[in-house]
Amino acid sequence: MNNEKEEPEVQNRMKSGSAGGKERSSFPYEDIVNLSHPVSPYHVPMPLLQRAAQFAPFAALTGYDEAIEETGRKTDDRVTLSESEIAILNRKLQMLEQILDRRPEVTITYFVPDLRKKGGSYHTVSGSLEKIDAQHQRIVMRSGEVISMGQLIGIEGDIPWNGFA
């Protein structure tokens, strides 16, 4: 009969949060929360920067952001000049060659092919003309810039047309 009396008493203690005379806490780790953090006597603590690096993206994805950026980079398509436009450019080059000693001021538009993907970009340079190198198919500006004749799109400036348009 004594067991019947003890069972409700044990059940009451468990409901109230005490078992065996000891109080139960609402926070299960209260006994270890205020202990000091263990420090190894054998290993030097890792610097914070290295600890943070552990949480960096997975190393196999190195370069992924650059690849996405490269894919999204826009390039221009190269304009194909007509035969008459090419003839006008050639005529302008001939006339500029005749007055090269006067260092004519020109503005040249040319295409620069992209090294990584199809297309490229258009560049414009203005300045004094230094040399027209027909043998190597290039134009040299006084600033030192070298332009391939095969990439020319347009030439503007003080060109003596002598009635040619």
C-alpha atoms as a PDB file:
ATOM      1  CA  MET A   1       0.000   0.000   0.000  1.00  0.00           C
ATOM      2  CA  ASN A   2       2.892   2.211   0.597  1.00  0.00           C
ATOM      3  CA  ASN A   3       3.687   2.035  -3.166  1.00  0.00           C
ATOM      4  CA  GLU A   4       0.305   3.398  -4.056  1.00  0.00           C
ATOM      5  CA  LYS A   5       0.943   6.435  -1.863  1.00  0.00           C
ATOM      6  CA  GLU A   6       4.438   7.001  -3.311  1.00  0.00           C
ATOM      7  CA  GLU A   7       3.424   6.902  -6.959  1.00  0.00           C
ATOM      8  CA  PRO A   8       1.167   9.958  -6.854  1.00  0.00           C
ATOM      9  CA  GLU A   9       3.837  11.744  -4.797  1.00  0.00           C
ATOM     10  CA  VAL A  10       6.524  11.001  -7.412  1.00  0.00           C
ATOM     11  CA  GLN A  11       4.176  12.065 -10.171  1.00  0.00           C
ATOM     12  CA  ASN A  12       3.456  15.326  -8.349  1.00  0.00           C
ATOM     13  CA  ARG A  13       7.173  16.044  -7.902  1.00  0.00           C
ATOM     14  CA  MET A  14       7.843  15.431 -11.624  1.00  0.00           C
ATOM     15  CA  LYS A  15       4.981  17.711 -12.620  1.00  0.00           C
ATOM     16  CA  SER A  16       6.169  20.441 -10.302  1.00  0.00           C
ATOM     17  CA  GLY A  17       9.745  20.168 -11.616  1.00  0.00           C
ATOM     18  CA  SER A  18      11.422  18.433  -8.692  1.00  0.00           C
ATOM     19  CA  ALA A  19      12.601  14.867  -8.618  1.00  0.00           C
ATOM     20  CA  GLY A  20      14.540  13.417  -5.768  1.00  0.00           C
ATOM     21  CA  GLY A  21      14.547  16.734  -3.959  1.00  0.00           C
ATOM     22  CA  LYS A  22      16.478  18.524  -6.719  1.00  0.00           C
ATOM     23  CA  GLU A  23      14.889  21.459  -8.608  1.00  0.00           C
ATOM     24  CA  ARG A  24      14.730  21.198 -12.423  1.00  0.00           C
ATOM     25  CA  SER A  25      15.714  24.322 -14.342  1.00  0.00           C
ATOM     26  CA  SER A  26      13.810  25.697 -17.327  1.00  0.00           C
ATOM     27  CA  PHE A  27      17.152  26.010 -19.207  1.00  0.00           C
ATOM     28  CA  PRO A  28      18.785  22.588 -19.653  1.00  0.00           C
ATOM     29  CA  TYR A  29      22.400  23.848 -20.009  1.00  0.00           C
ATOM     30  CA  GLU A  30      22.418  26.264 -17.134  1.00  0.00           C
ATOM     31  CA  ASP A  31      25.146  24.293 -15.357  1.00  0.00           C
ATOM     32  CA  ILE A  32      27.695  24.795 -18.191  1.00  0.00           C
ATOM     33  CA  VAL A  33      26.729  28.184 -19.625  1.00  0.00           C
ATOM     34  CA  ASN A  34      29.006  30.234 -17.394  1.00  0.00           C
ATOM     35  CA  LEU A  35      32.047  27.984 -17.657  1.00  0.00           C
ATOM     36  CA  SER A  36      35.104  29.399 -19.438  1.00  0.00           C
ATOM     37  CA  HIS A  37      35.807  28.307 -23.010  1.00  0.00           C
ATOM     38  CA  PRO A  38      38.415  25.533 -23.118  1.00  0.00           C
ATOM     39  CA  VAL A  39      41.750  26.541 -24.704  1.00  0.00           C
ATOM     40  CA  SER A  40      44.127  23.883 -25.958  1.00  0.00           C
ATOM     41  CA  PRO A  41      47.604  23.964 -24.426  1.00  0.00           C
ATOM     42  CA  TYR A  42      48.962  22.255 -27.566  1.00  0.00           C
ATOM     43  CA  HIS A  43      47.407  24.181 -30.494  1.00  0.00           C
ATOM     44  CA  VAL A  44      47.611  27.875 -31.292  1.00  0.00           C
ATOM     45  CA  PRO A  45      44.144  29.410 -31.795  1.00  0.00           C
ATOM     46  CA  MET A  46      43.228  29.920 -35.469  1.00  0.00           C
ATOM     47  CA  PRO A  47      43.171  33.578 -36.606  1.00  0.00           C
ATOM     48  CA  LEU A  48      39.683  35.007 -37.180  1.00  0.00           C
ATOM     49  CA  LEU A  49      40.318  35.520 -40.902  1.00  0.00           C
ATOM     50  CA  GLN A  50      41.109  31.825 -41.380  1.00  0.00           C
ATOM     51  CA  ARG A  51      38.124  30.832 -39.285  1.00  0.00           C
ATOM     52  CA  ALA A  52      35.897  32.999 -41.491  1.00  0.00           C
ATOM     53  CA  ALA A  53      37.414  31.444 -44.626  1.00  0.00           C
ATOM     54  CA  GLN A  54      36.040  28.077 -43.560  1.00  0.00           C
ATOM     55  CA  PHE A  55      32.599  29.383 -44.329  1.00  0.00           C
ATOM     56  CA  ALA A  56      33.486  30.782 -47.773  1.00  0.00           C
ATOM     57  CA  PRO A  57      31.832  29.235 -50.849  1.00  0.00           C
ATOM     58  CA  PHE A  58      33.007  25.810 -51.899  1.00  0.00           C
ATOM     59  CA  ALA A  59      36.408  25.985 -53.652  1.00  0.00           C
ATOM     60  CA  ALA A  60      35.171  24.050 -56.696  1.00  0.00           C
ATOM     61  CA  LEU A  61      33.115  27.112 -57.631  1.00  0.00           C
ATOM     62  CA  THR A  62      36.176  29.370 -57.878  1.00  0.00           C
ATOM     63  CA  GLY A  63      35.786  31.527 -60.970  1.00  0.00           C
ATOM     64  CA  TYR A  64      32.037  30.965 -61.206  1.00  0.00           C
ATOM     65  CA  ASP A  65      31.227  34.633 -60.592  1.00  0.00           C
ATOM     66  CA  GLU A  66      33.739  35.691 -63.251  1.00  0.00           C
ATOM     67  CA  ALA A  67      32.257  33.222 -65.745  1.00  0.00           C
ATOM     68  CA  ILE A  68      28.758  34.568 -65.139  1.00  0.00           C
ATOM     69  CA  GLU A  69      29.994  38.144 -65.529  1.00  0.00           C
ATOM     70  CA  GLU A  70      31.818  37.266 -68.774  1.00  0.00           C
ATOM     71  CA  THR A  71      28.701  35.612 -70.190  1.00  0.00           C
ATOM     72  CA  GLY A  72      26.646  38.707 -69.444  1.00  0.00           C
ATOM     73  CA  ARG A  73      29.186  41.129 -70.925  1.00  0.00           C
ATOM     74  CA  LYS A  74      27.862  42.768 -74.065  1.00  0.00           C
ATOM     75  CA  THR A  75      29.829  43.039 -77.302  1.00  0.00           C
ATOM     76  CA  ASP A  76      29.018  44.795 -80.547  1.00  0.00           C
ATOM     77  CA  ASP A  77      28.720  43.070 -83.898  1.00  0.00           C
ATOM     78  CA  ARG A  78      31.154  44.250 -86.529  1.00  0.00           C
ATOM     79  CA  VAL A  79      29.624  46.379 -89.254  1.00  0.00           C
ATOM     80  CA  THR A  80      30.393  45.129 -92.748  1.00  0.00           C
ATOM     81  CA  LEU A  81      31.310  48.002 -95.036  1.00  0.00           C
ATOM     82  CA  SER A  82      29.993  48.115 -98.585  1.00  0.00           C
ATOM     83  CA  GLU A  83      32.395  48.241-101.535  1.00  0.00           C
ATOM     84  CA  SER A  84      31.712  51.954-102.026  1.00  0.00           C
ATOM     85  CA  GLU A  85      32.448  52.687 -98.347  1.00  0.00           C
ATOM     86  CA  ILE A  86      35.711  50.755 -98.596  1.00  0.00           C
ATOM     87  CA  ALA A  87      36.623  52.719-101.766  1.00  0.00           C
ATOM     88  CA  ILE A  88      36.001  56.020 -99.952  1.00  0.00           C
ATOM     89  CA  LEU A  89      38.188  54.928 -97.003  1.00  0.00           C
ATOM     90  CA  ASN A  90      40.982  53.924 -99.402  1.00  0.00           C
ATOM     91  CA  ARG A  91      40.719  57.280-101.192  1.00  0.00           C
ATOM     92  CA  LYS A  92      40.904  59.144 -97.859  1.00  0.00           C
ATOM     93  CA  LEU A  93      44.009  57.164 -96.905  1.00  0.00           C
ATOM     94  CA  GLN A  94      45.654  58.021-100.239  1.00  0.00           C
ATOM     95  CA  MET A  95      44.942  61.721 -99.756  1.00  0.00           C
ATOM     96  CA  LEU A  96      46.175  61.653 -96.166  1.00  0.00           C
ATOM     97  CA  GLU A  97      49.370  59.966 -97.326  1.00  0.00           C
ATOM     98  CA  GLN A  98      49.993  62.892 -99.704  1.00  0.00           C
ATOM     99  CA  ILE A  99      49.778  65.458 -96.869  1.00  0.00           C
ATOM    100  CA  LEU A 100      51.393  63.302 -94.157  1.00  0.00           C
ATOM    101  CA  ASP A 101      54.294  65.772 -93.761  1.00  0.00           C
ATOM    102  CA  ARG A 102      51.730  68.361 -92.481  1.00  0.00           C
ATOM    103  CA  ARG A 103      50.661  65.976 -89.680  1.00  0.00           C
ATOM    104  CA  PRO A 104      46.924  66.228 -90.416  1.00  0.00           C
ATOM    105  CA  GLU A 105      44.465  66.083 -87.525  1.00  0.00           C
ATOM    106  CA  VAL A 106      42.026  63.197 -87.961  1.00  0.00           C
ATOM    107  CA  THR A 107      39.388  61.246 -86.066  1.00  0.00           C
ATOM    108  CA  ILE A 108      39.479  57.533 -86.774  1.00  0.00           C
ATOM    109  CA  THR A 109      36.786  55.032 -85.810  1.00  0.00           C
ATOM    110  CA  TYR A 110      37.811  51.391 -85.791  1.00  0.00           C
ATOM    111  CA  PHE A 111      36.660  48.001 -84.536  1.00  0.00           C
ATOM    112  CA  VAL A 112      38.534  46.044 -81.864  1.00  0.00           C
ATOM    113  CA  PRO A 113      37.643  42.323 -81.849  1.00  0.00           C
ATOM    114  CA  ASP A 114      36.979  40.787 -78.437  1.00  0.00           C
ATOM    115  CA  LEU A 115      39.568  38.195 -77.451  1.00  0.00           C
ATOM    116  CA  ARG A 116      37.123  36.034 -75.462  1.00  0.00           C
ATOM    117  CA  LYS A 117      33.884  35.997 -77.379  1.00  0.00           C
ATOM    118  CA  LYS A 118      32.225  36.870 -80.670  1.00  0.00           C
ATOM    119  CA  GLY A 119      32.006  40.568 -81.478  1.00  0.00           C
ATOM    120  CA  GLY A 120      34.019  43.417 -80.067  1.00  0.00           C
ATOM    121  CA  SER A 121      33.839  47.150 -79.508  1.00  0.00           C
ATOM    122  CA  TYR A 122      34.218  50.361 -81.481  1.00  0.00           C
ATOM    123  CA  HIS A 123      36.930  52.832 -80.568  1.00  0.00           C
ATOM    124  CA  THR A 124      37.471  56.386 -81.734  1.00  0.00           C
ATOM    125  CA  VAL A 125      40.799  58.166 -81.592  1.00  0.00           C
ATOM    126  CA  SER A 126      41.507  61.764 -82.506  1.00  0.00           C
ATOM    127  CA  GLY A 127      44.892  63.313 -83.055  1.00  0.00           C
ATOM    128  CA  SER A 128      47.727  63.947 -85.399  1.00  0.00           C
ATOM    129  CA  LEU A 129      48.549  61.325 -87.997  1.00  0.00           C
ATOM    130  CA  GLU A 130      52.154  60.090 -87.836  1.00  0.00           C
ATOM    131  CA  LYS A 131      52.429  57.362 -90.458  1.00  0.00           C
ATOM    132  CA  ILE A 132      50.437  55.240 -92.894  1.00  0.00           C
ATOM    133  CA  ASP A 133      52.217  51.896 -93.189  1.00  0.00           C
ATOM    134  CA  ALA A 134      50.767  50.240 -96.310  1.00  0.00           C
ATOM    135  CA  GLN A 135      53.183  47.307 -96.097  1.00  0.00           C
ATOM    136  CA  HIS A 136      51.952  46.271 -92.622  1.00  0.00           C
ATOM    137  CA  GLN A 137      48.412  47.578 -93.219  1.00  0.00           C
ATOM    138  CA  ARG A 138      48.382  49.923 -90.225  1.00  0.00           C
ATOM    139  CA  ILE A 139      48.021  53.566 -89.283  1.00  0.00           C
ATOM    140  CA  VAL A 140      50.237  55.092 -86.609  1.00  0.00           C
ATOM    141  CA  MET A 141      49.056  58.123 -84.675  1.00  0.00           C
ATOM    142  CA  ARG A 142      51.446  60.677 -83.198  1.00  0.00           C
ATOM    143  CA  SER A 143      50.262  59.522 -79.727  1.00  0.00           C
ATOM    144  CA  GLY A 144      51.732  56.096 -80.543  1.00  0.00           C
ATOM    145  CA  GLU A 145      48.424  54.318 -81.076  1.00  0.00           C
ATOM    146  CA  VAL A 146      48.534  51.756 -83.911  1.00  0.00           C
ATOM    147  CA  ILE A 147      45.365  50.961 -85.839  1.00  0.00           C
ATOM    148  CA  SER A 148      44.932  48.066 -88.245  1.00  0.00           C
ATOM    149  CA  MET A 149      43.616  49.205 -91.626  1.00  0.00           C
ATOM    150  CA  GLY A 150      41.473  46.086 -91.770  1.00  0.00           C
ATOM    151  CA  GLN A 151      39.525  47.328 -88.731  1.00  0.00           C
ATOM    152  CA  LEU A 152      38.802  50.855 -90.047  1.00  0.00           C
ATOM    153  CA  ILE A 153      35.206  52.014 -90.017  1.00  0.00           C
ATOM    154  CA  GLY A 154      35.628  55.720 -90.680  1.00  0.00           C
ATOM    155  CA  ILE A 155      38.088  58.594 -91.055  1.00  0.00           C
ATOM    156  CA  GLU A 156      37.152  62.227 -90.558  1.00  0.00           C
ATOM    157  CA  GLY A 157      39.229  65.377 -90.537  1.00  0.00           C
ATOM    158  CA  ASP A 158      40.757  68.029 -92.774  1.00  0.00           C
ATOM    159  CA  ILE A 159      41.226  65.897 -95.875  1.00  0.00           C
ATOM    160  CA  PRO A 160      41.711  67.758 -99.193  1.00  0.00           C
ATOM    161  CA  TRP A 161      39.081  66.086-101.354  1.00  0.00           C
ATOM    162  CA  ASN A 162      39.842  67.845-104.613  1.00  0.00           C
ATOM    163  CA  GLY A 163      36.228  67.446-105.639  1.00  0.00           C
ATOM    164  CA  PHE A 164      36.024  63.766-104.673  1.00  0.00           C
ATOM    165  CA  ALA A 165      33.166  62.894-102.319  1.00  0.00           C
END
